[in-house]
Amino acid sequence: MLRKVTKAIKGVPVQDGAGVKLTRVLGNWTTDAFDPFLMLDAFDSTNPDEYMDGFPMHPHRGIETVTFISRGSMVHQDHLGTKATVTDGEAQWLTAGSGAFHSEMPGRSPHFLGVQLWLNLPARDKMTAAPFYHGITRDQIREFDLDGGKLRLLTGSYGKAHGFQGKYLPLDYYDILLEPHAKVTLDVPGDRSVMAFTLVGDATVSGTPVGEKTAVRLGEGDQVMIEAGDTAIEFLLMSSVRLSEPVAWLGPIVMNTDEELAEAFNDIDAGTFVRQEAGYDNRR
């Protein structure tokens, strides 16, 4: 059965970080509908003045961030002094867990294009998960031919193929590129919370027209059908497990209660925010 579009959210222009112009698609007003996906920001600029000031050092707690760079580059640095860069078609995974400080700075390029996704952590793991960074580089990303396009496995599984996977919530994350008028039907497990995003171009998703820079929640079923229109598209498909837990969210911190939020900001003021040392691999 096809998973139909049950909710669509079109992104709006905002500024964040040190003045980066971006498109905010999901936020604290969509947490229940898109659970466990929290924030989704899209970057799409040919003017370096709109993004070069980036996202200077800032804290996170209670979440994991997955940053996918379709074109351009992004440099991650953190409170331990680690520095890692991903470029065209690569991604970065940060488990903020119990507390991490990091910065993300775009590199100058003709076209900066990509997204950042915030994935919620289960309540049981928010304060026990150690901060962790992993660079998902091109040599780790498997590609699969589709009829009129290709699928790139950024994280999780596709059929019997497996890519990088986090420890706390499963995340199948596909970067799908289709030529004009190409159509593909993909299997998606019936027990998953599924979201799709039109990064470049308009698409038809299980029979529903979806404009560019729009996130859609997909309902019950076990397949998704994606069709390009008159132009080529880049389409992101993500599936995970719904948490159905309370969300208390302020700025870069996502917890389960207001008391936990207050504790996090008190920790920042007291200099005790980082509870555990972070782990890193695939530095670059």
C-alpha atoms as a PDB file:
ATOM      1  CA  MET A   1       0.000   0.000   0.000  1.00  0.00           C
ATOM      2  CA  LEU A   2       1.295   3.446  -0.916  1.00  0.00           C
ATOM      3  CA  ARG A   3       2.061   5.831   1.902  1.00  0.00           C
ATOM      4  CA  LYS A   4       0.047   8.976   1.137  1.00  0.00           C
ATOM      5  CA  VAL A   5       0.999  12.537   2.066  1.00  0.00           C
ATOM      6  CA  THR A   6      -0.817  13.421   5.305  1.00  0.00           C
ATOM      7  CA  LYS A   7       0.877  16.759   6.051  1.00  0.00           C
ATOM      8  CA  ALA A   8       2.991  19.202   4.035  1.00  0.00           C
ATOM      9  CA  ILE A   9       5.130  22.063   5.388  1.00  0.00           C
ATOM     10  CA  LYS A  10       6.696  24.545   2.978  1.00  0.00           C
ATOM     11  CA  GLY A  11       9.860  26.188   4.252  1.00  0.00           C
ATOM     12  CA  VAL A  12      10.139  29.916   4.959  1.00  0.00           C
ATOM     13  CA  PRO A  13      13.202  32.198   4.726  1.00  0.00           C
ATOM     14  CA  VAL A  14      14.947  32.955   8.041  1.00  0.00           C
ATOM     15  CA  GLN A  15      18.392  33.870   9.329  1.00  0.00           C
ATOM     16  CA  ASP A  16      20.257  31.861  11.956  1.00  0.00           C
ATOM     17  CA  GLY A  17      23.758  31.431  13.315  1.00  0.00           C
ATOM     18  CA  ALA A  18      25.814  34.531  12.521  1.00  0.00           C
ATOM     19  CA  GLY A  19      23.287  35.706   9.941  1.00  0.00           C
ATOM     20  CA  VAL A  20      23.126  32.709   7.584  1.00  0.00           C
ATOM     21  CA  LYS A  21      20.187  32.976   5.197  1.00  0.00           C
ATOM     22  CA  LEU A  22      18.382  29.653   5.015  1.00  0.00           C
ATOM     23  CA  THR A  23      14.974  28.022   4.639  1.00  0.00           C
ATOM     24  CA  ARG A  24      13.424  26.752   7.874  1.00  0.00           C
ATOM     25  CA  VAL A  25      11.077  23.869   7.204  1.00  0.00           C
ATOM     26  CA  LEU A  26      10.465  22.110  10.529  1.00  0.00           C
ATOM     27  CA  GLY A  27      10.670  23.594  14.021  1.00  0.00           C
ATOM     28  CA  ASN A  28       9.155  23.459  17.485  1.00  0.00           C
ATOM     29  CA  TRP A  29       5.657  23.773  16.000  1.00  0.00           C
ATOM     30  CA  THR A  30       5.961  20.467  14.053  1.00  0.00           C
ATOM     31  CA  THR A  31       7.397  18.126  16.696  1.00  0.00           C
ATOM     32  CA  ASP A  32       4.337  15.926  17.121  1.00  0.00           C
ATOM     33  CA  ALA A  33       3.458  15.620  13.439  1.00  0.00           C
ATOM     34  CA  PHE A  34       7.001  14.716  12.355  1.00  0.00           C
ATOM     35  CA  ASP A  35       8.228  12.881  15.501  1.00  0.00           C
ATOM     36  CA  PRO A  36      11.144  12.003  15.912  1.00  0.00           C
ATOM     37  CA  PHE A  37      12.299  14.605  13.371  1.00  0.00           C
ATOM     38  CA  LEU A  38      12.692  17.984  15.058  1.00  0.00           C
ATOM     39  CA  MET A  39      14.265  20.737  12.979  1.00  0.00           C
ATOM     40  CA  LEU A  40      14.913  20.753   9.239  1.00  0.00           C
ATOM     41  CA  ASP A  41      16.825  23.658   7.691  1.00  0.00           C
ATOM     42  CA  ALA A  42      17.742  23.917   4.010  1.00  0.00           C
ATOM     43  CA  PHE A  43      20.656  25.866   2.527  1.00  0.00           C
ATOM     44  CA  ASP A  44      20.517  26.977  -1.100  1.00  0.00           C
ATOM     45  CA  SER A  45      22.626  29.972  -2.089  1.00  0.00           C
ATOM     46  CA  THR A  46      24.963  31.109  -4.859  1.00  0.00           C
ATOM     47  CA  ASN A  47      26.013  34.182  -2.841  1.00  0.00           C
ATOM     48  CA  PRO A  48      28.736  33.465  -0.250  1.00  0.00           C
ATOM     49  CA  ASP A  49      27.841  36.675   1.599  1.00  0.00           C
ATOM     50  CA  GLU A  50      24.610  34.925   2.636  1.00  0.00           C
ATOM     51  CA  TYR A  51      26.290  32.040   4.453  1.00  0.00           C
ATOM     52  CA  MET A  52      30.037  32.510   5.023  1.00  0.00           C
ATOM     53  CA  ASP A  53      29.649  33.768   8.616  1.00  0.00           C
ATOM     54  CA  GLY A  54      28.282  30.320   9.433  1.00  0.00           C
ATOM     55  CA  PHE A  55      27.361  28.939  12.820  1.00  0.00           C
ATOM     56  CA  PRO A  56      30.015  29.830  15.428  1.00  0.00           C
ATOM     57  CA  MET A  57      30.602  27.675  18.513  1.00  0.00           C
ATOM     58  CA  HIS A  58      27.312  26.837  20.259  1.00  0.00           C
ATOM     59  CA  PRO A  59      25.920  24.129  22.586  1.00  0.00           C
ATOM     60  CA  HIS A  60      23.531  21.226  21.967  1.00  0.00           C
ATOM     61  CA  ARG A  61      21.998  18.695  24.310  1.00  0.00           C
ATOM     62  CA  GLY A  62      19.394  15.968  23.824  1.00  0.00           C
ATOM     63  CA  ILE A  63      19.605  15.595  20.042  1.00  0.00           C
ATOM     64  CA  GLU A  64      21.576  14.271  17.098  1.00  0.00           C
ATOM     65  CA  THR A  65      22.252  16.463  14.064  1.00  0.00           C
ATOM     66  CA  VAL A  66      22.753  15.140  10.545  1.00  0.00           C
ATOM     67  CA  THR A  67      24.096  17.688   8.079  1.00  0.00           C
ATOM     68  CA  PHE A  68      24.011  16.757   4.385  1.00  0.00           C
ATOM     69  CA  ILE A  69      25.938  18.897   1.892  1.00  0.00           C
ATOM     70  CA  SER A  70      24.786  18.295  -1.665  1.00  0.00           C
ATOM     71  CA  ARG A  71      27.090  20.984  -3.049  1.00  0.00           C
ATOM     72  CA  GLY A  72      29.756  23.017  -1.316  1.00  0.00           C
ATOM     73  CA  SER A  73      31.471  22.190   1.966  1.00  0.00           C
ATOM     74  CA  MET A  74      31.040  22.416   5.737  1.00  0.00           C
ATOM     75  CA  VAL A  75      33.727  22.424   8.443  1.00  0.00           C
ATOM     76  CA  HIS A  76      32.843  21.000  11.870  1.00  0.00           C
ATOM     77  CA  GLN A  77      34.862  21.978  14.962  1.00  0.00           C
ATOM     78  CA  ASP A  78      34.099  21.118  18.569  1.00  0.00           C
ATOM     79  CA  HIS A  79      35.064  21.751  22.186  1.00  0.00           C
ATOM     80  CA  LEU A  80      37.831  19.122  22.015  1.00  0.00           C
ATOM     81  CA  GLY A  81      39.563  20.851  19.132  1.00  0.00           C
ATOM     82  CA  THR A  82      38.522  18.316  16.494  1.00  0.00           C
ATOM     83  CA  LYS A  83      38.166  19.654  12.959  1.00  0.00           C
ATOM     84  CA  ALA A  84      36.479  17.740  10.111  1.00  0.00           C
ATOM     85  CA  THR A  85      35.219  18.747   6.659  1.00  0.00           C
ATOM     86  CA  VAL A  86      32.623  17.238   4.344  1.00  0.00           C
ATOM     87  CA  THR A  87      32.168  18.286   0.736  1.00  0.00           C
ATOM     88  CA  ASP A  88      29.883  17.647  -2.270  1.00  0.00           C
ATOM     89  CA  GLY A  89      27.482  14.790  -1.536  1.00  0.00           C
ATOM     90  CA  GLU A  90      28.796  13.994   1.968  1.00  0.00           C
ATOM     91  CA  ALA A  91      27.319  14.275   5.458  1.00  0.00           C
ATOM     92  CA  GLN A  92      28.192  14.789   9.116  1.00  0.00           C
ATOM     93  CA  TRP A  93      26.579  13.068  12.108  1.00  0.00           C
ATOM     94  CA  LEU A  94      26.855  14.628  15.565  1.00  0.00           C
ATOM     95  CA  THR A  95      25.443  12.974  18.669  1.00  0.00           C
ATOM     96  CA  ALA A  96      25.224  15.914  21.061  1.00  0.00           C
ATOM     97  CA  GLY A  97      23.868  13.636  23.783  1.00  0.00           C
ATOM     98  CA  SER A  98      24.516  14.939  27.282  1.00  0.00           C
ATOM     99  CA  GLY A  99      26.229  18.046  25.940  1.00  0.00           C
ATOM    100  CA  ALA A 100      28.563  19.245  23.203  1.00  0.00           C
ATOM    101  CA  PHE A 101      29.862  22.535  21.848  1.00  0.00           C
ATOM    102  CA  HIS A 102      30.538  22.758  18.135  1.00  0.00           C
ATOM    103  CA  SER A 103      30.658  25.121  15.190  1.00  0.00           C
ATOM    104  CA  GLU A 104      29.722  24.598  11.542  1.00  0.00           C
ATOM    105  CA  MET A 105      31.276  26.882   8.973  1.00  0.00           C
ATOM    106  CA  PRO A 106      30.454  26.672   5.255  1.00  0.00           C
ATOM    107  CA  GLY A 107      33.236  27.002   2.711  1.00  0.00           C
ATOM    108  CA  ARG A 108      33.033  29.426  -0.191  1.00  0.00           C
ATOM    109  CA  SER A 109      31.608  27.719  -3.283  1.00  0.00           C
ATOM    110  CA  PRO A 110      29.641  28.570  -6.455  1.00  0.00           C
ATOM    111  CA  HIS A 111      26.558  26.899  -4.960  1.00  0.00           C
ATOM    112  CA  PHE A 112      26.015  26.014  -1.296  1.00  0.00           C
ATOM    113  CA  LEU A 113      23.199  23.445  -1.129  1.00  0.00           C
ATOM    114  CA  GLY A 114      22.184  21.074   1.625  1.00  0.00           C
ATOM    115  CA  VAL A 115      20.154  20.477   4.767  1.00  0.00           C
ATOM    116  CA  GLN A 116      20.539  20.007   8.490  1.00  0.00           C
ATOM    117  CA  LEU A 117      18.227  17.591  10.282  1.00  0.00           C
ATOM    118  CA  TRP A 118      17.760  17.366  14.045  1.00  0.00           C
ATOM    119  CA  LEU A 119      16.869  13.868  15.231  1.00  0.00           C
ATOM    120  CA  ASN A 120      15.438  13.576  18.730  1.00  0.00           C
ATOM    121  CA  LEU A 121      17.063  11.320  21.320  1.00  0.00           C
ATOM    122  CA  PRO A 122      14.931   9.060  23.513  1.00  0.00           C
ATOM    123  CA  ALA A 123      14.465  10.399  27.040  1.00  0.00           C
ATOM    124  CA  ARG A 124      16.490   7.528  28.483  1.00  0.00           C
ATOM    125  CA  ASP A 125      19.521   8.503  26.382  1.00  0.00           C
ATOM    126  CA  LYS A 126      19.547  12.293  26.508  1.00  0.00           C
ATOM    127  CA  MET A 127      21.856  12.512  29.529  1.00  0.00           C
ATOM    128  CA  THR A 128      23.734   9.222  29.110  1.00  0.00           C
ATOM    129  CA  ALA A 129      24.684   9.409  25.408  1.00  0.00           C
ATOM    130  CA  ALA A 130      28.299  10.503  25.027  1.00  0.00           C
ATOM    131  CA  PRO A 131      28.981  13.199  22.417  1.00  0.00           C
ATOM    132  CA  PHE A 132      30.127  11.615  19.166  1.00  0.00           C
ATOM    133  CA  TYR A 133      31.074  12.794  15.660  1.00  0.00           C
ATOM    134  CA  HIS A 134      31.207  10.795  12.441  1.00  0.00           C
ATOM    135  CA  GLY A 135      31.979  12.082   8.947  1.00  0.00           C
ATOM    136  CA  ILE A 136      29.984  10.259   6.265  1.00  0.00           C
ATOM    137  CA  THR A 137      32.366  10.617   3.339  1.00  0.00           C
ATOM    138  CA  ARG A 138      31.906   9.566  -0.287  1.00  0.00           C
ATOM    139  CA  ASP A 139      33.785   6.306   0.141  1.00  0.00           C
ATOM    140  CA  GLN A 140      31.147   5.219   2.706  1.00  0.00           C
ATOM    141  CA  ILE A 141      28.108   6.170   0.612  1.00  0.00           C
ATOM    142  CA  ARG A 142      26.783   3.422  -1.648  1.00  0.00           C
ATOM    143  CA  GLU A 143      24.909   4.380  -4.820  1.00  0.00           C
ATOM    144  CA  PHE A 144      22.142   2.391  -6.534  1.00  0.00           C
ATOM    145  CA  ASP A 145      20.854   2.871 -10.070  1.00  0.00           C
ATOM    146  CA  LEU A 146      17.162   3.663 -10.441  1.00  0.00           C
ATOM    147  CA  ASP A 147      15.106   3.906 -13.619  1.00  0.00           C
ATOM    148  CA  GLY A 148      16.009   7.450 -14.617  1.00  0.00           C
ATOM    149  CA  GLY A 149      18.121   8.291 -11.609  1.00  0.00           C
ATOM    150  CA  LYS A 150      20.033   7.024  -8.597  1.00  0.00           C
ATOM    151  CA  LEU A 151      19.684   6.536  -4.857  1.00  0.00           C
ATOM    152  CA  ARG A 152      22.530   7.351  -2.482  1.00  0.00           C
ATOM    153  CA  LEU A 153      22.456   5.627   0.931  1.00  0.00           C
ATOM    154  CA  LEU A 154      23.600   8.255   3.453  1.00  0.00           C
ATOM    155  CA  THR A 155      22.670   6.354   6.625  1.00  0.00           C
ATOM    156  CA  GLY A 156      20.851   3.199   7.638  1.00  0.00           C
ATOM    157  CA  SER A 157      19.766   0.478   5.235  1.00  0.00           C
ATOM    158  CA  TYR A 158      18.484   0.093   1.686  1.00  0.00           C
ATOM    159  CA  GLY A 159      17.420  -3.458   0.920  1.00  0.00           C
ATOM    160  CA  LYS A 160      20.305  -5.648   2.061  1.00  0.00           C
ATOM    161  CA  ALA A 161      22.827  -2.782   1.923  1.00  0.00           C
ATOM    162  CA  HIS A 162      23.909  -1.004   5.105  1.00  0.00           C
ATOM    163  CA  GLY A 163      25.530   2.352   5.733  1.00  0.00           C
ATOM    164  CA  PHE A 164      26.532   4.241   8.857  1.00  0.00           C
ATOM    165  CA  GLN A 165      23.980   4.037  11.662  1.00  0.00           C
ATOM    166  CA  GLY A 166      23.702   5.858  14.965  1.00  0.00           C
ATOM    167  CA  LYS A 167      23.338   4.055  18.294  1.00  0.00           C
ATOM    168  CA  TYR A 168      20.055   5.427  19.596  1.00  0.00           C
ATOM    169  CA  LEU A 169      17.411   5.690  16.871  1.00  0.00           C
ATOM    170  CA  PRO A 170      17.518   3.994  13.472  1.00  0.00           C
ATOM    171  CA  LEU A 171      17.632   6.416  10.549  1.00  0.00           C
ATOM    172  CA  ASP A 172      17.330   5.377   6.918  1.00  0.00           C
ATOM    173  CA  TYR A 173      18.317   8.494   4.949  1.00  0.00           C
ATOM    174  CA  TYR A 174      18.334   8.469   1.137  1.00  0.00           C
ATOM    175  CA  ASP A 175      19.523  11.123  -1.298  1.00  0.00           C
ATOM    176  CA  ILE A 176      17.507  10.485  -4.482  1.00  0.00           C
ATOM    177  CA  LEU A 177      18.230  12.135  -7.826  1.00  0.00           C
ATOM    178  CA  LEU A 178      15.749  11.710 -10.679  1.00  0.00           C
ATOM    179  CA  GLU A 179      15.784  12.900 -14.276  1.00  0.00           C
ATOM    180  CA  PRO A 180      12.749  14.769 -15.706  1.00  0.00           C
ATOM    181  CA  HIS A 181       9.604  12.588 -15.693  1.00  0.00           C
ATOM    182  CA  ALA A 182      11.391   9.668 -14.032  1.00  0.00           C
ATOM    183  CA  LYS A 183       9.350   7.690 -11.512  1.00  0.00           C
ATOM    184  CA  VAL A 184      10.388   5.268  -8.784  1.00  0.00           C
ATOM    185  CA  THR A 185       8.587   3.246  -6.115  1.00  0.00           C
ATOM    186  CA  LEU A 186      10.538   2.429  -2.947  1.00  0.00           C
ATOM    187  CA  ASP A 187       9.786   0.024  -0.123  1.00  0.00           C
ATOM    188  CA  VAL A 188       9.555   1.623   3.334  1.00  0.00           C
ATOM    189  CA  PRO A 189       8.891  -0.502   6.462  1.00  0.00           C
ATOM    190  CA  GLY A 190       5.364  -0.128   7.769  1.00  0.00           C
ATOM    191  CA  ASP A 191       6.429   0.554  11.360  1.00  0.00           C
ATOM    192  CA  ARG A 192       8.440   3.669  10.490  1.00  0.00           C
ATOM    193  CA  SER A 193       7.792   7.398  10.793  1.00  0.00           C
ATOM    194  CA  VAL A 194       8.552   8.659   7.285  1.00  0.00           C
ATOM    195  CA  MET A 195       9.387  12.149   6.029  1.00  0.00           C
ATOM    196  CA  ALA A 196      10.364  13.364   2.580  1.00  0.00           C
ATOM    197  CA  PHE A 197      11.827  16.700   1.461  1.00  0.00           C
ATOM    198  CA  THR A 198      12.069  18.282  -1.982  1.00  0.00           C
ATOM    199  CA  LEU A 199      15.530  19.840  -1.926  1.00  0.00           C
ATOM    200  CA  VAL A 200      15.616  20.728  -5.635  1.00  0.00           C
ATOM    201  CA  GLY A 201      12.584  20.835  -7.913  1.00  0.00           C
ATOM    202  CA  ASP A 202       8.930  19.890  -7.633  1.00  0.00           C
ATOM    203  CA  ALA A 203       7.821  16.271  -7.269  1.00  0.00           C
ATOM    204  CA  THR A 204       4.727  14.125  -7.088  1.00  0.00           C
ATOM    205  CA  VAL A 205       4.778  11.962  -3.957  1.00  0.00           C
ATOM    206  CA  SER A 206       2.396   8.991  -3.922  1.00  0.00           C
ATOM    207  CA  GLY A 207       0.034  10.984  -6.140  1.00  0.00           C
ATOM    208  CA  THR A 208       0.294  14.361  -4.358  1.00  0.00           C
ATOM    209  CA  PRO A 209       2.077  17.327  -6.029  1.00  0.00           C
ATOM    210  CA  VAL A 210       4.766  18.708  -3.703  1.00  0.00           C
ATOM    211  CA  GLY A 211       6.598  21.966  -4.385  1.00  0.00           C
ATOM    212  CA  GLU A 212      10.299  22.608  -3.889  1.00  0.00           C
ATOM    213  CA  LYS A 213      11.587  23.096  -0.304  1.00  0.00           C
ATOM    214  CA  THR A 214       8.602  21.283   1.197  1.00  0.00           C
ATOM    215  CA  ALA A 215       8.647  18.550   3.832  1.00  0.00           C
ATOM    216  CA  VAL A 216       5.873  15.981   3.821  1.00  0.00           C
ATOM    217  CA  ARG A 217       4.836  13.430   6.392  1.00  0.00           C
ATOM    218  CA  LEU A 218       3.773  10.117   4.887  1.00  0.00           C
ATOM    219  CA  GLY A 219       0.988   8.024   6.371  1.00  0.00           C
ATOM    220  CA  GLU A 220       0.554   4.298   6.800  1.00  0.00           C
ATOM    221  CA  GLY A 221       1.712   1.865   4.163  1.00  0.00           C
ATOM    222  CA  ASP A 222       4.871   0.171   2.980  1.00  0.00           C
ATOM    223  CA  GLN A 223       5.801   1.960  -0.265  1.00  0.00           C
ATOM    224  CA  VAL A 224       6.478   5.495  -1.488  1.00  0.00           C
ATOM    225  CA  MET A 225       6.181   6.563  -5.126  1.00  0.00           C
ATOM    226  CA  ILE A 226       8.235   9.552  -6.294  1.00  0.00           C
ATOM    227  CA  GLU A 227       7.878  11.185  -9.708  1.00  0.00           C
ATOM    228  CA  ALA A 228       9.795  14.117 -11.190  1.00  0.00           C
ATOM    229  CA  GLY A 229       8.090  16.731 -13.319  1.00  0.00           C
ATOM    230  CA  ASP A 230       9.566  18.673 -16.221  1.00  0.00           C
ATOM    231  CA  THR A 231      12.880  19.225 -14.434  1.00  0.00           C
ATOM    232  CA  ALA A 232      15.347  16.997 -12.592  1.00  0.00           C
ATOM    233  CA  ILE A 233      14.872  16.730  -8.838  1.00  0.00           C
ATOM    234  CA  GLU A 234      16.880  15.995  -5.713  1.00  0.00           C
ATOM    235  CA  PHE A 235      14.653  14.382  -3.123  1.00  0.00           C
ATOM    236  CA  LEU A 236      15.482  13.322   0.452  1.00  0.00           C
ATOM    237  CA  LEU A 237      13.655  10.422   2.095  1.00  0.00           C
ATOM    238  CA  MET A 238      14.085   9.755   5.829  1.00  0.00           C
ATOM    239  CA  SER A 239      12.518   7.149   8.085  1.00  0.00           C
ATOM    240  CA  SER A 240      12.906   6.430  11.778  1.00  0.00           C
ATOM    241  CA  VAL A 241      10.868   5.380  14.830  1.00  0.00           C
ATOM    242  CA  ARG A 242       8.292   7.611  16.487  1.00  0.00           C
ATOM    243  CA  LEU A 243       9.073   8.338  20.154  1.00  0.00           C
ATOM    244  CA  SER A 244       5.740   9.787  21.385  1.00  0.00           C
ATOM    245  CA  GLU A 245       7.526  11.534  24.262  1.00  0.00           C
ATOM    246  CA  PRO A 246       7.069  15.096  25.565  1.00  0.00           C
ATOM    247  CA  VAL A 247       9.339  17.700  23.985  1.00  0.00           C
ATOM    248  CA  ALA A 248      10.754  20.728  25.835  1.00  0.00           C
ATOM    249  CA  TRP A 249      12.752  22.790  23.344  1.00  0.00           C
ATOM    250  CA  LEU A 250      14.507  26.116  23.683  1.00  0.00           C
ATOM    251  CA  GLY A 251      17.162  27.253  21.219  1.00  0.00           C
ATOM    252  CA  PRO A 252      19.793  24.527  20.719  1.00  0.00           C
ATOM    253  CA  ILE A 253      18.586  22.341  23.626  1.00  0.00           C
ATOM    254  CA  VAL A 254      15.838  19.701  23.349  1.00  0.00           C
ATOM    255  CA  MET A 255      14.805  17.864  26.516  1.00  0.00           C
ATOM    256  CA  ASN A 256      11.587  16.378  27.898  1.00  0.00           C
ATOM    257  CA  THR A 257      10.687  18.842  30.677  1.00  0.00           C
ATOM    258  CA  ASP A 258      11.082  22.537  31.435  1.00  0.00           C
ATOM    259  CA  GLU A 259      13.118  21.590  34.506  1.00  0.00           C
ATOM    260  CA  GLU A 260      15.625  19.741  32.309  1.00  0.00           C
ATOM    261  CA  LEU A 261      15.851  22.782  30.034  1.00  0.00           C
ATOM    262  CA  ALA A 262      16.553  25.030  33.017  1.00  0.00           C
ATOM    263  CA  GLU A 263      19.250  22.615  34.197  1.00  0.00           C
ATOM    264  CA  ALA A 264      20.918  22.717  30.769  1.00  0.00           C
ATOM    265  CA  PHE A 265      21.101  26.507  30.667  1.00  0.00           C
ATOM    266  CA  ASN A 266      22.277  26.626  34.295  1.00  0.00           C
ATOM    267  CA  ASP A 267      25.033  24.176  33.306  1.00  0.00           C
ATOM    268  CA  ILE A 268      26.085  26.488  30.468  1.00  0.00           C
ATOM    269  CA  ASP A 269      26.295  29.453  32.840  1.00  0.00           C
ATOM    270  CA  ALA A 270      28.195  27.386  35.423  1.00  0.00           C
ATOM    271  CA  GLY A 271      30.671  25.932  32.921  1.00  0.00           C
ATOM    272  CA  THR A 272      29.498  22.366  33.636  1.00  0.00           C
ATOM    273  CA  PHE A 273      27.566  21.722  30.429  1.00  0.00           C
ATOM    274  CA  VAL A 274      29.881  19.056  28.971  1.00  0.00           C
ATOM    275  CA  ARG A 275      29.367  15.982  31.161  1.00  0.00           C
ATOM    276  CA  GLN A 276      31.303  13.418  29.096  1.00  0.00           C
ATOM    277  CA  GLU A 277      34.213  13.493  26.714  1.00  0.00           C
ATOM    278  CA  ALA A 278      33.292  13.085  23.068  1.00  0.00           C
ATOM    279  CA  GLY A 279      34.363  10.369  20.669  1.00  0.00           C
ATOM    280  CA  TYR A 280      35.322  10.887  17.031  1.00  0.00           C
ATOM    281  CA  ASP A 281      36.238   8.861  13.997  1.00  0.00           C
ATOM    282  CA  ASN A 282      36.795   9.437  10.284  1.00  0.00           C
ATOM    283  CA  ARG A 283      38.403  12.812  10.936  1.00  0.00           C
ATOM    284  CA  ARG A 284      39.128  14.754   7.796  1.00  0.00           C
END
